[in-house]
Amino acid sequence: MKKTYKIEVDCANCALKMEEAAKKVEGVQDATVSFMTQKMKVEFAEGSDEKAVMQTVLMACKKVESDCEIFLD
């Protein structure tokens, strides 16, 4: 399953850090972050709980870029 989330990030390098952090989270098959559109596309692994996975993605992204935001609604 693929889902798109609105994000808030300050620079393209920060977006790349967020993308790399998201890809390392268990339950994420693939992730792309676009600084230009301020969106994160996440492809979830089959059978994963997307809400729980996205909470982990948010925490992972906050570790590499503390002032980023992912709007999970």
N, C-alpha and C. Protein backbone atom coordinates (compact mmCIF):
# COMPACT_ATOMS: atom_id res chain seq x y z
N MET A 1 0.83 -1.17 0.00
CA MET A 1 0.00 0.00 0.00
C MET A 1 0.89 1.25 0.00
N LYS A 2 0.51 2.23 -0.81
CA LYS A 2 1.25 3.49 -0.87
C LYS A 2 0.38 4.61 -0.30
N LYS A 3 1.02 5.53 0.39
CA LYS A 3 0.31 6.66 0.95
C LYS A 3 1.19 7.89 0.88
N THR A 4 0.56 9.07 0.71
CA THR A 4 1.30 10.33 0.62
C THR A 4 0.95 11.19 1.83
N TYR A 5 1.99 11.77 2.42
CA TYR A 5 1.82 12.63 3.59
C TYR A 5 2.39 14.01 3.32
N LYS A 6 1.71 15.02 3.83
CA LYS A 6 2.20 16.39 3.74
C LYS A 6 3.29 16.52 4.81
N ILE A 7 4.39 17.18 4.44
CA ILE A 7 5.49 17.37 5.38
C ILE A 7 5.87 18.84 5.43
N GLU A 8 6.71 19.17 6.39
CA GLU A 8 7.29 20.50 6.47
C GLU A 8 8.77 20.32 6.74
N VAL A 9 9.58 20.74 5.78
CA VAL A 9 11.03 20.60 5.90
C VAL A 9 11.69 21.82 5.26
N ASP A 10 12.82 22.25 5.82
CA ASP A 10 13.42 23.54 5.44
C ASP A 10 14.35 23.51 4.23
N CYS A 11 14.96 22.37 3.95
CA CYS A 11 15.91 22.36 2.83
C CYS A 11 15.94 20.99 2.15
N ALA A 12 16.48 20.95 0.96
CA ALA A 12 16.53 19.72 0.18
C ALA A 12 17.42 18.67 0.85
N ASN A 13 18.50 19.11 1.46
CA ASN A 13 19.39 18.17 2.16
C ASN A 13 18.67 17.53 3.34
N CYS A 14 17.88 18.32 4.04
CA CYS A 14 17.09 17.79 5.18
C CYS A 14 16.07 16.77 4.68
N ALA A 15 15.47 17.05 3.54
CA ALA A 15 14.50 16.13 2.95
C ALA A 15 15.17 14.80 2.61
N LEU A 16 16.40 14.86 2.11
CA LEU A 16 17.15 13.64 1.79
C LEU A 16 17.43 12.84 3.07
N LYS A 17 17.80 13.53 4.15
CA LYS A 17 18.03 12.86 5.43
C LYS A 17 16.76 12.17 5.92
N MET A 18 15.62 12.85 5.77
CA MET A 18 14.33 12.27 6.17
C MET A 18 14.04 11.02 5.35
N GLU A 19 14.28 11.10 4.05
CA GLU A 19 14.02 9.96 3.16
C GLU A 19 14.86 8.76 3.57
N GLU A 20 16.16 8.99 3.82
CA GLU A 20 17.05 7.90 4.21
C GLU A 20 16.62 7.29 5.54
N ALA A 21 16.20 8.13 6.50
CA ALA A 21 15.76 7.64 7.80
C ALA A 21 14.48 6.81 7.66
N ALA A 22 13.55 7.28 6.84
CA ALA A 22 12.28 6.58 6.64
C ALA A 22 12.49 5.21 6.02
N LYS A 23 13.42 5.11 5.07
CA LYS A 23 13.67 3.84 4.38
C LYS A 23 14.21 2.77 5.33
N LYS A 24 14.83 3.18 6.43
CA LYS A 24 15.42 2.23 7.38
C LYS A 24 14.40 1.68 8.37
N VAL A 25 13.21 2.26 8.42
CA VAL A 25 12.20 1.84 9.39
C VAL A 25 11.57 0.53 8.95
N GLU A 26 11.44 -0.39 9.91
CA GLU A 26 10.80 -1.68 9.63
C GLU A 26 9.34 -1.45 9.27
N GLY A 27 8.89 -2.06 8.18
CA GLY A 27 7.51 -1.87 7.72
C GLY A 27 7.43 -0.93 6.54
N VAL A 28 8.53 -0.23 6.23
CA VAL A 28 8.58 0.66 5.07
C VAL A 28 9.31 -0.08 3.96
N GLN A 29 8.61 -0.26 2.85
CA GLN A 29 9.22 -0.91 1.70
C GLN A 29 10.03 0.11 0.90
N ASP A 30 9.46 1.31 0.75
CA ASP A 30 10.16 2.38 0.03
C ASP A 30 9.58 3.72 0.48
N ALA A 31 10.40 4.75 0.38
CA ALA A 31 9.95 6.10 0.74
C ALA A 31 10.66 7.12 -0.13
N THR A 32 9.91 8.15 -0.54
CA THR A 32 10.50 9.27 -1.26
C THR A 32 10.00 10.55 -0.63
N VAL A 33 10.92 11.50 -0.48
CA VAL A 33 10.57 12.79 0.09
C VAL A 33 10.89 13.86 -0.94
N SER A 34 9.92 14.72 -1.21
CA SER A 34 10.11 15.81 -2.16
C SER A 34 10.12 17.14 -1.42
N PHE A 35 11.26 17.81 -1.47
CA PHE A 35 11.36 19.13 -0.85
C PHE A 35 10.50 20.13 -1.60
N MET A 36 10.47 20.02 -2.93
CA MET A 36 9.72 20.98 -3.76
C MET A 36 8.22 20.94 -3.49
N THR A 37 7.67 19.74 -3.35
CA THR A 37 6.22 19.63 -3.13
C THR A 37 5.85 19.50 -1.65
N GLN A 38 6.89 19.35 -0.79
CA GLN A 38 6.67 19.16 0.65
C GLN A 38 5.77 17.95 0.91
N LYS A 39 6.12 16.84 0.26
CA LYS A 39 5.35 15.61 0.42
C LYS A 39 6.29 14.42 0.61
N MET A 40 5.80 13.45 1.37
CA MET A 40 6.51 12.19 1.57
C MET A 40 5.60 11.06 1.08
N LYS A 41 6.12 10.25 0.17
CA LYS A 41 5.38 9.08 -0.30
C LYS A 41 6.00 7.86 0.35
N VAL A 42 5.15 7.06 0.97
CA VAL A 42 5.61 5.87 1.67
C VAL A 42 4.90 4.65 1.11
N GLU A 43 5.69 3.63 0.79
CA GLU A 43 5.14 2.34 0.39
C GLU A 43 5.37 1.39 1.55
N PHE A 44 4.27 0.87 2.10
CA PHE A 44 4.35 0.01 3.27
C PHE A 44 4.54 -1.44 2.87
N ALA A 45 5.28 -2.16 3.70
CA ALA A 45 5.45 -3.60 3.49
C ALA A 45 4.10 -4.28 3.74
N GLU A 46 3.88 -5.38 3.09
CA GLU A 46 2.61 -6.09 3.21
C GLU A 46 2.37 -6.53 4.66
N GLY A 47 1.18 -6.25 5.16
CA GLY A 47 0.81 -6.67 6.51
C GLY A 47 1.26 -5.74 7.62
N SER A 48 1.88 -4.62 7.28
CA SER A 48 2.35 -3.71 8.34
C SER A 48 1.24 -2.75 8.77
N ASP A 49 1.31 -2.31 10.00
CA ASP A 49 0.35 -1.37 10.57
C ASP A 49 0.81 0.04 10.23
N GLU A 50 0.15 0.67 9.24
CA GLU A 50 0.66 1.95 8.73
C GLU A 50 0.73 3.05 9.79
N LYS A 51 -0.22 3.09 10.73
CA LYS A 51 -0.20 4.12 11.77
C LYS A 51 1.02 3.95 12.68
N ALA A 52 1.27 2.73 13.11
CA ALA A 52 2.43 2.44 13.97
C ALA A 52 3.73 2.70 13.23
N VAL A 53 3.79 2.28 11.97
CA VAL A 53 4.99 2.48 11.16
C VAL A 53 5.26 3.97 11.00
N MET A 54 4.24 4.77 10.74
CA MET A 54 4.43 6.21 10.53
C MET A 54 4.86 6.92 11.82
N GLN A 55 4.42 6.44 12.97
CA GLN A 55 4.90 7.01 14.24
C GLN A 55 6.41 6.78 14.36
N THR A 56 6.85 5.58 13.98
CA THR A 56 8.27 5.26 14.01
C THR A 56 9.04 6.08 12.98
N VAL A 57 8.46 6.26 11.79
CA VAL A 57 9.08 7.09 10.75
C VAL A 57 9.25 8.52 11.27
N LEU A 58 8.21 9.05 11.91
CA LEU A 58 8.28 10.42 12.44
C LEU A 58 9.41 10.54 13.46
N MET A 59 9.51 9.57 14.37
CA MET A 59 10.58 9.61 15.37
C MET A 59 11.96 9.52 14.72
N ALA A 60 12.09 8.66 13.71
CA ALA A 60 13.37 8.51 13.00
C ALA A 60 13.75 9.79 12.28
N CYS A 61 12.78 10.44 11.68
CA CYS A 61 13.04 11.70 10.96
C CYS A 61 13.40 12.82 11.94
N LYS A 62 12.74 12.85 13.09
CA LYS A 62 13.04 13.87 14.10
C LYS A 62 14.47 13.72 14.64
N LYS A 63 14.99 12.48 14.64
CA LYS A 63 16.37 12.26 15.11
C LYS A 63 17.37 12.90 14.16
N VAL A 64 17.12 12.82 12.85
CA VAL A 64 18.07 13.37 11.88
C VAL A 64 17.78 14.83 11.54
N GLU A 65 16.54 15.26 11.71
CA GLU A 65 16.16 16.64 11.40
C GLU A 65 15.09 17.07 12.39
N SER A 66 15.51 17.65 13.50
CA SER A 66 14.62 17.90 14.64
C SER A 66 13.46 18.85 14.35
N ASP A 67 13.62 19.76 13.39
CA ASP A 67 12.52 20.71 13.13
C ASP A 67 11.63 20.33 11.95
N CYS A 68 11.73 19.07 11.51
CA CYS A 68 10.84 18.62 10.43
C CYS A 68 9.48 18.24 11.00
N GLU A 69 8.50 18.13 10.12
CA GLU A 69 7.17 17.71 10.55
C GLU A 69 6.55 16.83 9.49
N ILE A 70 5.84 15.80 9.93
CA ILE A 70 5.05 14.95 9.04
C ILE A 70 3.62 15.01 9.56
N PHE A 71 2.71 15.43 8.70
CA PHE A 71 1.31 15.54 9.09
C PHE A 71 0.62 14.21 8.83
N LEU A 72 0.33 13.48 9.90
CA LEU A 72 -0.18 12.10 9.79
C LEU A 72 -1.69 12.01 9.63
N ASP A 73 -2.40 13.12 9.58
CA ASP A 73 -3.86 13.10 9.44
C ASP A 73 -4.28 12.97 7.99
